[in-house]
Amino acid sequence: MSDVKLKYSDADLQEFKEIIEKKIAGAKADLALLESSYKNDASNGTDDTSHSFKSFDEGSEVMSKEANVQLAIRQEKFIRDLKNALIRIENKTYGICRVTRKLIQKERLKLVPHATLSIEAKRKQ
């Protein structure tokens, strides 16, 4: 019989669940900040500045809002990936590489808890 583990123990899964739940909470807080920054239509008080500066300022504001929207989209995807990891924990399939079907290293999962590929499989991509 081989000594290769095919899945993580319930204790390990609980530990990963706690890590993921903390990451989701942090990611949601970051997302709320991003959303408030691009949904905020409050004037920055540039009404009394010169016209040329004001148009430059509005242009950079639009670029900043677009950048924040892109960051928010990435943050939403990150949250979705983390929630999918929680589902895999519930199904007891968490930490199993989609390609090799071997366990993903614990250290990797602690750093990238939504990972679905082992380093070995990732390198082959």
Protein backbone atom coordinates (compact mmCIF):
# COMPACT_ATOMS: atom_id res chain seq x y z
CA MET A 1 0.00 0.00 0.00
CA SER A 2 1.35 3.44 -0.91
CA ASP A 3 1.84 6.15 1.67
CA VAL A 4 0.65 8.87 -0.73
CA LYS A 5 -2.27 10.73 0.81
CA LEU A 6 -5.24 11.11 -1.54
CA LYS A 7 -7.01 13.82 0.42
CA TYR A 8 -6.53 16.15 3.35
CA SER A 9 -7.80 15.26 6.82
CA ASP A 10 -10.86 16.98 8.28
CA ALA A 11 -8.54 18.92 10.61
CA ASP A 12 -6.48 20.13 7.64
CA LEU A 13 -9.65 21.05 5.74
CA GLN A 14 -10.91 23.03 8.75
CA GLU A 15 -7.60 24.92 8.90
CA PHE A 16 -7.84 25.75 5.17
CA LYS A 17 -11.48 26.79 5.63
CA GLU A 18 -10.47 29.31 8.30
CA ILE A 19 -7.70 30.71 6.06
CA ILE A 20 -10.13 31.04 3.15
CA GLU A 21 -12.87 32.66 5.23
CA LYS A 22 -10.36 35.29 6.47
CA LYS A 23 -9.24 35.91 2.87
CA ILE A 24 -12.86 36.28 1.71
CA ALA A 25 -13.57 38.80 4.50
CA GLY A 26 -10.47 40.82 3.55
CA ALA A 27 -11.25 40.60 -0.16
CA LYS A 28 -14.83 41.79 0.41
CA ALA A 29 -13.55 44.77 2.42
CA ASP A 30 -11.08 45.62 -0.37
CA LEU A 31 -13.85 45.27 -2.96
CA ALA A 32 -16.13 47.62 -0.99
CA LEU A 33 -13.34 50.22 -0.92
CA LEU A 34 -12.75 49.89 -4.66
CA GLU A 35 -16.46 50.12 -5.44
CA SER A 36 -16.92 53.19 -3.25
CA SER A 37 -13.98 54.89 -4.98
CA TYR A 38 -15.40 54.51 -8.49
CA LYS A 39 -19.05 54.99 -7.53
CA ASN A 40 -18.25 58.18 -5.62
CA ASP A 41 -19.41 61.17 -7.65
CA ALA A 42 -18.51 63.72 -4.99
CA SER A 43 -16.73 66.79 -6.28
CA ASN A 44 -13.13 67.21 -5.19
CA GLY A 45 -13.61 70.96 -5.02
CA THR A 46 -11.89 71.75 -8.32
CA ASP A 47 -14.62 74.21 -9.38
CA ASP A 48 -12.39 77.20 -8.71
CA THR A 49 -9.30 75.92 -10.53
CA SER A 50 -8.37 76.85 -14.09
CA HIS A 51 -10.29 75.21 -16.95
CA SER A 52 -7.24 73.48 -18.45
CA PHE A 53 -6.31 71.89 -15.14
CA LYS A 54 -9.91 70.87 -14.50
CA SER A 55 -10.16 68.93 -17.79
CA PHE A 56 -6.83 67.23 -17.04
CA ASP A 57 -8.08 66.38 -13.57
CA GLU A 58 -11.34 64.94 -14.94
CA GLY A 59 -9.37 62.84 -17.45
CA SER A 60 -7.17 61.35 -14.75
CA GLU A 61 -10.27 60.77 -12.63
CA VAL A 62 -11.85 58.75 -15.45
CA MET A 63 -8.64 56.71 -15.87
CA SER A 64 -8.53 56.12 -12.12
CA LYS A 65 -12.15 54.98 -12.07
CA GLU A 66 -11.49 52.59 -14.98
CA ALA A 67 -8.46 51.16 -13.17
CA ASN A 68 -10.55 50.70 -10.01
CA VAL A 69 -13.31 48.98 -12.00
CA GLN A 70 -10.70 46.55 -13.40
CA LEU A 71 -9.34 45.92 -9.91
CA ALA A 72 -12.88 45.36 -8.63
CA ILE A 73 -13.54 42.80 -11.40
CA ARG A 74 -10.35 40.94 -10.43
CA GLN A 75 -11.35 41.11 -6.76
CA GLU A 76 -14.81 39.68 -7.56
CA LYS A 77 -13.15 36.79 -9.43
CA PHE A 78 -10.81 36.21 -6.46
CA ILE A 79 -13.80 36.05 -4.07
CA ARG A 80 -15.62 33.65 -6.44
CA ASP A 81 -12.51 31.42 -6.62
CA LEU A 82 -12.25 31.41 -2.81
CA LYS A 83 -15.94 30.51 -2.47
CA ASN A 84 -15.42 27.66 -4.95
CA ALA A 85 -12.56 26.47 -2.73
CA LEU A 86 -14.98 26.39 0.22
CA ILE A 87 -17.31 24.20 -1.85
CA ARG A 88 -14.38 21.84 -2.57
CA ILE A 89 -13.71 21.70 1.19
CA GLU A 90 -17.35 20.74 1.80
CA ASN A 91 -17.06 18.06 -0.91
CA LYS A 92 -13.72 16.91 0.56
CA THR A 93 -12.05 17.39 -2.83
CA TYR A 94 -10.06 20.45 -1.73
CA GLY A 95 -6.32 20.42 -2.35
CA ILE A 96 -6.40 17.77 -5.08
CA CYS A 97 -4.69 18.84 -8.31
CA ARG A 98 -7.05 18.92 -11.32
CA VAL A 99 -4.30 17.51 -13.56
CA THR A 100 -2.16 15.11 -11.52
CA ARG A 101 -4.93 14.11 -9.02
CA LYS A 102 -2.24 14.31 -6.31
CA LEU A 103 -2.41 16.51 -3.23
CA ILE A 104 -1.31 20.10 -3.73
CA GLN A 105 1.41 21.00 -1.19
CA LYS A 106 0.09 22.46 2.04
CA GLU A 107 2.49 25.43 1.81
CA ARG A 108 1.13 26.32 -1.65
CA LEU A 109 -2.46 26.13 -0.43
CA LYS A 110 -1.69 28.38 2.52
CA LEU A 111 -0.30 31.00 0.13
CA VAL A 112 -2.81 30.43 -2.70
CA PRO A 113 -5.81 28.82 -1.00
CA HIS A 114 -7.89 28.82 -4.19
CA ALA A 115 -5.24 26.87 -6.16
CA THR A 116 -6.52 23.92 -8.19
CA LEU A 117 -3.17 22.95 -9.69
CA SER A 118 -0.04 21.60 -8.08
CA ILE A 119 3.28 23.34 -8.85
CA GLU A 120 4.13 20.34 -11.06
CA ALA A 121 0.98 20.81 -13.16
CA LYS A 122 1.35 24.62 -13.20
CA ARG A 123 4.90 24.34 -14.62
CA LYS A 124 3.63 22.13 -17.48
CA GLN A 125 1.14 24.82 -18.58
